[in-house]
Amino acid sequence: MRCRAARQYVWRPEYDAYLREHYYGGLNRRFQVLNRMIRETGLPRWYIKRRAASLGLTQHPDSRAWTREEEQVLENLLGKVNALTIARRLKRTEASVALKIKRHGWSRVVREGYTMRDLEACLGEYPEKGIIQSSL
């Protein structure tokens, strides 16, 4: 049996009360609260932030559920425009759109028109080798 190591940091109930009372507002406000707690308790910043998260005091990004209409727009635009354009049209983040595409197992490649590699191959130019093949 392994014996449990002694805890390095000691968290007191009054710290919880202080966090619940003061840990709100914008980044600047939370930064000030963290700095004060670090000075007074000697606990590291990451430890205090982890405790605030476990108390449910941290801010979470808006994670709205995808509607059927949004998914339909995504399916219609996929392959025609890039993920950033789709995200702007749906008023979502690019990461949200990219993750939705990935979860469905779809490809983000824009298939309409030619890619740079397609054009390079048609013109006989191969930039990775720095040579142009002639058709003589």
N, C-alpha and C. Protein backbone atom coordinates (compact mmCIF):
# COMPACT_ATOMS: atom_id res chain seq x y z
N MET A 1 0.82 -1.19 0.00
CA MET A 1 0.00 0.00 0.00
C MET A 1 0.86 1.25 0.00
N ARG A 2 0.46 2.18 -0.83
CA ARG A 2 1.18 3.44 -0.84
C ARG A 2 0.55 4.38 0.17
N CYS A 3 1.39 5.08 0.88
CA CYS A 3 0.84 6.04 1.83
C CYS A 3 0.62 7.36 1.10
N ARG A 4 -0.38 8.04 1.51
CA ARG A 4 -0.73 9.30 0.87
C ARG A 4 0.21 10.41 1.33
N ALA A 5 0.69 11.18 0.39
CA ALA A 5 1.60 12.27 0.72
C ALA A 5 0.83 13.40 1.40
N ALA A 6 1.52 14.12 2.24
CA ALA A 6 0.91 15.26 2.92
C ALA A 6 0.60 16.35 1.90
N ARG A 7 -0.50 17.02 2.08
CA ARG A 7 -0.87 18.08 1.16
C ARG A 7 0.10 19.24 1.28
N GLN A 8 0.48 19.75 0.13
CA GLN A 8 1.43 20.84 0.11
C GLN A 8 0.77 22.17 0.47
N TYR A 9 -0.49 22.34 0.02
CA TYR A 9 -1.19 23.59 0.25
C TYR A 9 -2.39 23.34 1.16
N VAL A 10 -2.66 24.28 2.03
CA VAL A 10 -3.79 24.17 2.95
C VAL A 10 -4.84 25.21 2.55
N TRP A 11 -6.02 24.73 2.25
CA TRP A 11 -7.11 25.60 1.86
C TRP A 11 -8.09 25.73 3.03
N ARG A 12 -8.44 26.94 3.39
CA ARG A 12 -9.32 27.17 4.53
C ARG A 12 -10.71 27.60 4.06
N PRO A 13 -11.73 27.34 4.86
CA PRO A 13 -13.10 27.72 4.47
C PRO A 13 -13.28 29.23 4.26
N GLU A 14 -12.52 30.03 4.97
CA GLU A 14 -12.65 31.48 4.79
C GLU A 14 -12.17 31.93 3.41
N TYR A 15 -11.28 31.15 2.81
CA TYR A 15 -10.84 31.46 1.44
C TYR A 15 -12.01 31.27 0.48
N ASP A 16 -12.80 30.22 0.70
CA ASP A 16 -13.98 29.99 -0.13
C ASP A 16 -14.94 31.16 -0.01
N ALA A 17 -15.16 31.60 1.21
CA ALA A 17 -16.09 32.71 1.43
C ALA A 17 -15.58 33.97 0.73
N TYR A 18 -14.29 34.23 0.80
CA TYR A 18 -13.72 35.40 0.15
C TYR A 18 -13.89 35.31 -1.37
N LEU A 19 -13.61 34.13 -1.93
CA LEU A 19 -13.77 33.96 -3.37
C LEU A 19 -15.21 34.16 -3.80
N ARG A 20 -16.14 33.55 -3.06
CA ARG A 20 -17.56 33.68 -3.42
C ARG A 20 -18.03 35.14 -3.37
N GLU A 21 -17.46 35.89 -2.46
CA GLU A 21 -17.87 37.28 -2.29
C GLU A 21 -17.24 38.21 -3.31
N HIS A 22 -15.99 37.95 -3.71
CA HIS A 22 -15.25 38.91 -4.52
C HIS A 22 -14.91 38.46 -5.94
N TYR A 23 -14.99 37.19 -6.26
CA TYR A 23 -14.51 36.68 -7.55
C TYR A 23 -15.62 36.83 -8.60
N TYR A 24 -15.80 38.01 -9.11
CA TYR A 24 -16.81 38.30 -10.12
C TYR A 24 -16.30 39.47 -10.94
N GLY A 25 -17.05 39.84 -11.96
CA GLY A 25 -16.66 40.98 -12.78
C GLY A 25 -15.72 40.57 -13.89
N GLY A 26 -15.09 41.54 -14.46
CA GLY A 26 -14.21 41.31 -15.59
C GLY A 26 -12.86 40.74 -15.18
N LEU A 27 -12.00 40.61 -16.19
CA LEU A 27 -10.67 40.05 -15.96
C LEU A 27 -9.86 40.87 -14.98
N ASN A 28 -9.97 42.19 -15.08
CA ASN A 28 -9.20 43.05 -14.19
C ASN A 28 -9.60 42.84 -12.73
N ARG A 29 -10.89 42.73 -12.50
CA ARG A 29 -11.39 42.50 -11.13
C ARG A 29 -10.89 41.17 -10.58
N ARG A 30 -11.00 40.11 -11.36
CA ARG A 30 -10.53 38.79 -10.91
C ARG A 30 -9.02 38.78 -10.70
N PHE A 31 -8.32 39.51 -11.55
CA PHE A 31 -6.86 39.61 -11.43
C PHE A 31 -6.48 40.24 -10.09
N GLN A 32 -7.20 41.30 -9.71
CA GLN A 32 -6.94 41.97 -8.42
C GLN A 32 -7.24 41.04 -7.25
N VAL A 33 -8.33 40.30 -7.34
CA VAL A 33 -8.70 39.37 -6.27
C VAL A 33 -7.63 38.28 -6.14
N LEU A 34 -7.20 37.76 -7.27
CA LEU A 34 -6.15 36.72 -7.24
C LEU A 34 -4.87 37.25 -6.64
N ASN A 35 -4.44 38.43 -7.05
CA ASN A 35 -3.21 39.01 -6.52
C ASN A 35 -3.28 39.19 -5.00
N ARG A 36 -4.43 39.66 -4.53
CA ARG A 36 -4.57 39.86 -3.09
C ARG A 36 -4.51 38.53 -2.34
N MET A 37 -5.18 37.50 -2.86
CA MET A 37 -5.16 36.19 -2.21
C MET A 37 -3.75 35.59 -2.22
N ILE A 38 -3.03 35.79 -3.31
CA ILE A 38 -1.66 35.28 -3.39
C ILE A 38 -0.80 35.94 -2.33
N ARG A 39 -0.92 37.26 -2.19
CA ARG A 39 -0.15 37.99 -1.18
C ARG A 39 -0.49 37.52 0.23
N GLU A 40 -1.79 37.37 0.50
CA GLU A 40 -2.22 37.08 1.87
C GLU A 40 -2.07 35.61 2.26
N THR A 41 -2.23 34.71 1.30
CA THR A 41 -2.21 33.28 1.64
C THR A 41 -0.90 32.59 1.27
N GLY A 42 -0.21 33.11 0.28
CA GLY A 42 1.01 32.46 -0.19
C GLY A 42 0.73 31.28 -1.12
N LEU A 43 -0.54 31.08 -1.48
CA LEU A 43 -0.91 29.99 -2.40
C LEU A 43 -0.61 30.40 -3.83
N PRO A 44 -0.26 29.45 -4.69
CA PRO A 44 0.01 29.80 -6.08
C PRO A 44 -1.27 30.15 -6.83
N ARG A 45 -1.11 30.94 -7.89
CA ARG A 45 -2.23 31.41 -8.69
C ARG A 45 -3.05 30.25 -9.26
N TRP A 46 -2.37 29.24 -9.80
CA TRP A 46 -3.09 28.13 -10.41
C TRP A 46 -3.97 27.41 -9.39
N TYR A 47 -3.51 27.32 -8.16
CA TYR A 47 -4.25 26.61 -7.11
C TYR A 47 -5.54 27.37 -6.76
N ILE A 48 -5.44 28.69 -6.68
CA ILE A 48 -6.61 29.52 -6.37
C ILE A 48 -7.60 29.49 -7.53
N LYS A 49 -7.09 29.57 -8.76
CA LYS A 49 -7.97 29.53 -9.92
C LYS A 49 -8.68 28.18 -10.04
N ARG A 50 -7.97 27.12 -9.71
CA ARG A 50 -8.59 25.79 -9.75
C ARG A 50 -9.72 25.70 -8.72
N ARG A 51 -9.50 26.27 -7.54
CA ARG A 51 -10.53 26.25 -6.51
C ARG A 51 -11.74 27.09 -6.92
N ALA A 52 -11.49 28.24 -7.54
CA ALA A 52 -12.59 29.08 -8.03
C ALA A 52 -13.41 28.33 -9.08
N ALA A 53 -12.73 27.57 -9.93
CA ALA A 53 -13.44 26.78 -10.95
C ALA A 53 -14.28 25.69 -10.30
N SER A 54 -13.73 25.04 -9.27
CA SER A 54 -14.47 23.97 -8.60
C SER A 54 -15.68 24.51 -7.84
N LEU A 55 -15.61 25.79 -7.45
CA LEU A 55 -16.75 26.43 -6.79
C LEU A 55 -17.78 26.96 -7.80
N GLY A 56 -17.44 26.86 -9.10
CA GLY A 56 -18.36 27.32 -10.14
C GLY A 56 -18.34 28.82 -10.34
N LEU A 57 -17.24 29.47 -10.03
CA LEU A 57 -17.16 30.92 -10.12
C LEU A 57 -16.55 31.42 -11.42
N THR A 58 -16.04 30.53 -12.24
CA THR A 58 -15.39 30.96 -13.48
C THR A 58 -16.42 31.22 -14.56
N GLN A 59 -16.03 32.02 -15.53
CA GLN A 59 -16.91 32.33 -16.64
C GLN A 59 -16.71 31.28 -17.72
N HIS A 60 -17.81 30.86 -18.32
CA HIS A 60 -17.76 29.86 -19.39
C HIS A 60 -18.21 30.51 -20.69
N PRO A 61 -17.57 30.12 -21.79
CA PRO A 61 -18.01 30.68 -23.06
C PRO A 61 -19.43 30.21 -23.38
N ASP A 62 -20.10 31.01 -24.17
CA ASP A 62 -21.47 30.67 -24.56
C ASP A 62 -21.43 29.43 -25.45
N SER A 63 -22.00 28.36 -25.00
CA SER A 63 -22.02 27.13 -25.79
C SER A 63 -23.46 26.78 -26.13
N ARG A 64 -23.95 27.48 -27.15
CA ARG A 64 -25.33 27.19 -27.54
C ARG A 64 -25.38 25.94 -28.39
N ALA A 65 -26.48 25.27 -28.30
CA ALA A 65 -26.67 24.04 -29.07
C ALA A 65 -26.89 24.40 -30.54
N TRP A 66 -26.47 23.49 -31.40
CA TRP A 66 -26.67 23.68 -32.83
C TRP A 66 -28.12 23.39 -33.18
N THR A 67 -28.72 24.28 -33.95
CA THR A 67 -30.08 24.04 -34.42
C THR A 67 -30.03 23.26 -35.73
N ARG A 68 -31.15 22.69 -36.11
CA ARG A 68 -31.21 21.93 -37.37
C ARG A 68 -30.97 22.86 -38.56
N GLU A 69 -31.46 24.11 -38.47
CA GLU A 69 -31.26 25.06 -39.55
C GLU A 69 -29.78 25.41 -39.73
N GLU A 70 -29.07 25.58 -38.60
CA GLU A 70 -27.63 25.87 -38.67
C GLU A 70 -26.88 24.70 -39.29
N GLU A 71 -27.24 23.49 -38.91
CA GLU A 71 -26.58 22.32 -39.48
C GLU A 71 -26.85 22.21 -40.97
N GLN A 72 -28.07 22.58 -41.39
CA GLN A 72 -28.42 22.55 -42.81
C GLN A 72 -27.59 23.57 -43.59
N VAL A 73 -27.44 24.77 -43.03
CA VAL A 73 -26.61 25.80 -43.67
C VAL A 73 -25.16 25.31 -43.76
N LEU A 74 -24.68 24.69 -42.69
CA LEU A 74 -23.31 24.15 -42.69
C LEU A 74 -23.13 23.12 -43.80
N GLU A 75 -24.09 22.19 -43.93
CA GLU A 75 -24.00 21.17 -44.97
C GLU A 75 -24.03 21.79 -46.36
N ASN A 76 -24.87 22.82 -46.56
CA ASN A 76 -24.98 23.45 -47.88
C ASN A 76 -23.72 24.21 -48.27
N LEU A 77 -23.07 24.84 -47.29
CA LEU A 77 -21.90 25.66 -47.59
C LEU A 77 -20.59 24.88 -47.57
N LEU A 78 -20.61 23.72 -46.97
CA LEU A 78 -19.38 22.94 -46.83
C LEU A 78 -18.84 22.54 -48.19
N GLY A 79 -17.57 22.80 -48.42
CA GLY A 79 -16.94 22.49 -49.69
C GLY A 79 -17.00 23.65 -50.67
N LYS A 80 -17.82 24.64 -50.36
CA LYS A 80 -17.95 25.81 -51.26
C LYS A 80 -17.20 27.01 -50.71
N VAL A 81 -17.27 27.21 -49.38
CA VAL A 81 -16.56 28.31 -48.73
C VAL A 81 -15.81 27.77 -47.52
N ASN A 82 -14.89 28.55 -47.01
CA ASN A 82 -14.08 28.08 -45.89
C ASN A 82 -14.84 28.18 -44.56
N ALA A 83 -14.27 27.60 -43.53
CA ALA A 83 -14.93 27.52 -42.22
C ALA A 83 -15.13 28.91 -41.61
N LEU A 84 -14.22 29.83 -41.86
CA LEU A 84 -14.35 31.18 -41.31
C LEU A 84 -15.58 31.89 -41.88
N THR A 85 -15.79 31.75 -43.17
CA THR A 85 -16.96 32.35 -43.81
C THR A 85 -18.25 31.75 -43.28
N ILE A 86 -18.27 30.44 -43.12
CA ILE A 86 -19.44 29.76 -42.56
C ILE A 86 -19.70 30.26 -41.14
N ALA A 87 -18.63 30.38 -40.35
CA ALA A 87 -18.76 30.82 -38.97
C ALA A 87 -19.35 32.23 -38.90
N ARG A 88 -18.90 33.11 -39.76
CA ARG A 88 -19.43 34.47 -39.77
C ARG A 88 -20.90 34.48 -40.15
N ARG A 89 -21.26 33.66 -41.11
CA ARG A 89 -22.65 33.61 -41.54
C ARG A 89 -23.56 33.07 -40.43
N LEU A 90 -23.06 32.11 -39.65
CA LEU A 90 -23.86 31.52 -38.57
C LEU A 90 -23.71 32.26 -37.25
N LYS A 91 -22.85 33.28 -37.22
CA LYS A 91 -22.55 34.03 -35.99
C LYS A 91 -22.02 33.11 -34.90
N ARG A 92 -21.05 32.30 -35.29
CA ARG A 92 -20.37 31.38 -34.38
C ARG A 92 -18.88 31.56 -34.56
N THR A 93 -18.10 30.93 -33.68
CA THR A 93 -16.65 31.01 -33.82
C THR A 93 -16.19 30.01 -34.88
N GLU A 94 -15.03 30.29 -35.45
CA GLU A 94 -14.47 29.38 -36.44
C GLU A 94 -14.18 28.02 -35.80
N ALA A 95 -13.72 28.04 -34.55
CA ALA A 95 -13.41 26.79 -33.85
C ALA A 95 -14.68 25.95 -33.67
N SER A 96 -15.80 26.60 -33.38
CA SER A 96 -17.06 25.89 -33.21
C SER A 96 -17.46 25.18 -34.50
N VAL A 97 -17.33 25.89 -35.61
CA VAL A 97 -17.68 25.32 -36.91
C VAL A 97 -16.73 24.18 -37.27
N ALA A 98 -15.44 24.42 -37.07
CA ALA A 98 -14.44 23.39 -37.39
C ALA A 98 -14.67 22.13 -36.56
N LEU A 99 -15.01 22.30 -35.30
CA LEU A 99 -15.26 21.15 -34.43
C LEU A 99 -16.51 20.40 -34.85
N LYS A 100 -17.54 21.11 -35.27
CA LYS A 100 -18.77 20.46 -35.74
C LYS A 100 -18.48 19.65 -37.00
N ILE A 101 -17.71 20.21 -37.91
CA ILE A 101 -17.33 19.50 -39.13
C ILE A 101 -16.55 18.24 -38.79
N LYS A 102 -15.63 18.37 -37.86
CA LYS A 102 -14.79 17.24 -37.46
C LYS A 102 -15.62 16.14 -36.79
N ARG A 103 -16.58 16.54 -35.95
CA ARG A 103 -17.42 15.55 -35.27
C ARG A 103 -18.26 14.75 -36.25
N HIS A 104 -18.68 15.39 -37.34
CA HIS A 104 -19.46 14.68 -38.35
C HIS A 104 -18.57 13.84 -39.27
N GLY A 105 -17.27 14.06 -39.20
CA GLY A 105 -16.34 13.31 -40.05
C GLY A 105 -16.27 13.85 -41.47
N TRP A 106 -16.67 15.11 -41.66
CA TRP A 106 -16.64 15.73 -42.97
C TRP A 106 -15.28 16.38 -43.20
N SER A 107 -15.02 16.76 -44.44
CA SER A 107 -13.78 17.44 -44.79
C SER A 107 -14.02 18.94 -44.90
N ARG A 108 -13.03 19.73 -44.50
CA ARG A 108 -13.13 21.18 -44.58
C ARG A 108 -12.58 21.73 -45.89
N VAL A 109 -12.14 20.86 -46.78
CA VAL A 109 -11.51 21.29 -48.02
C VAL A 109 -12.55 21.95 -48.93
N VAL A 110 -12.21 23.11 -49.47
CA VAL A 110 -13.07 23.79 -50.42
C VAL A 110 -12.84 23.14 -51.78
N ARG A 111 -13.88 22.59 -52.36
CA ARG A 111 -13.74 21.80 -53.58
C ARG A 111 -14.12 22.54 -54.86
N GLU A 112 -14.73 23.69 -54.75
CA GLU A 112 -15.10 24.43 -55.95
C GLU A 112 -13.90 25.23 -56.43
N GLY A 113 -13.63 25.16 -57.72
CA GLY A 113 -12.51 25.89 -58.29
C GLY A 113 -11.23 25.09 -58.17
N TYR A 114 -10.13 25.74 -58.47
CA TYR A 114 -8.83 25.09 -58.44
C TYR A 114 -8.05 25.49 -57.19
N THR A 115 -7.24 24.57 -56.71
CA THR A 115 -6.32 24.90 -55.63
C THR A 115 -5.01 25.38 -56.26
N MET A 116 -4.14 25.95 -55.45
CA MET A 116 -2.85 26.40 -55.96
C MET A 116 -2.05 25.24 -56.52
N ARG A 117 -2.11 24.10 -55.87
CA ARG A 117 -1.38 22.92 -56.36
C ARG A 117 -1.92 22.45 -57.71
N ASP A 118 -3.26 22.51 -57.89
CA ASP A 118 -3.84 22.16 -59.17
C ASP A 118 -3.32 23.07 -60.28
N LEU A 119 -3.31 24.38 -60.01
CA LEU A 119 -2.83 25.33 -61.00
C LEU A 119 -1.35 25.14 -61.31
N GLU A 120 -0.56 24.86 -60.26
CA GLU A 120 0.87 24.64 -60.47
C GLU A 120 1.09 23.41 -61.34
N ALA A 121 0.32 22.37 -61.12
CA ALA A 121 0.47 21.16 -61.92
C ALA A 121 0.05 21.41 -63.37
N CYS A 122 -1.02 22.18 -63.59
CA CYS A 122 -1.46 22.50 -64.95
C CYS A 122 -0.43 23.32 -65.71
N LEU A 123 0.23 24.23 -64.98
CA LEU A 123 1.21 25.11 -65.61
C LEU A 123 2.59 24.48 -65.69
N GLY A 124 2.76 23.33 -65.04
CA GLY A 124 4.05 22.65 -65.08
C GLY A 124 5.08 23.23 -64.14
N GLU A 125 4.65 23.96 -63.16
CA GLU A 125 5.59 24.56 -62.21
C GLU A 125 5.54 23.78 -60.91
N TYR A 126 6.71 23.47 -60.40
CA TYR A 126 6.80 22.71 -59.16
C TYR A 126 7.68 23.48 -58.18
N PRO A 127 7.07 24.32 -57.34
CA PRO A 127 7.86 25.23 -56.50
C PRO A 127 8.70 24.50 -55.45
N GLU A 128 8.30 23.30 -55.04
CA GLU A 128 9.10 22.61 -54.02
C GLU A 128 10.47 22.20 -54.54
N LYS A 129 10.58 22.05 -55.88
CA LYS A 129 11.87 21.70 -56.46
C LYS A 129 12.54 22.90 -57.11
N GLY A 130 11.75 23.97 -57.29
CA GLY A 130 12.31 25.17 -57.89
C GLY A 130 12.55 25.03 -59.38
N ILE A 131 11.85 24.11 -60.03
CA ILE A 131 12.06 23.92 -61.47
C ILE A 131 10.74 24.02 -62.21
N ILE A 132 10.85 24.32 -63.47
CA ILE A 132 9.66 24.34 -64.34
C ILE A 132 9.90 23.30 -65.42
N GLN A 133 8.92 22.41 -65.58
CA GLN A 133 9.06 21.38 -66.61
C GLN A 133 8.56 21.95 -67.92
N SER A 134 9.32 21.80 -68.93
CA SER A 134 8.88 22.28 -70.23
C SER A 134 8.21 21.15 -70.98
N SER A 135 7.35 21.52 -71.90
CA SER A 135 6.62 20.50 -72.67
C SER A 135 7.25 20.32 -74.04
N LEU A 136 8.58 20.47 -74.14
CA LEU A 136 9.28 20.31 -75.43
C LEU A 136 9.39 18.88 -75.82
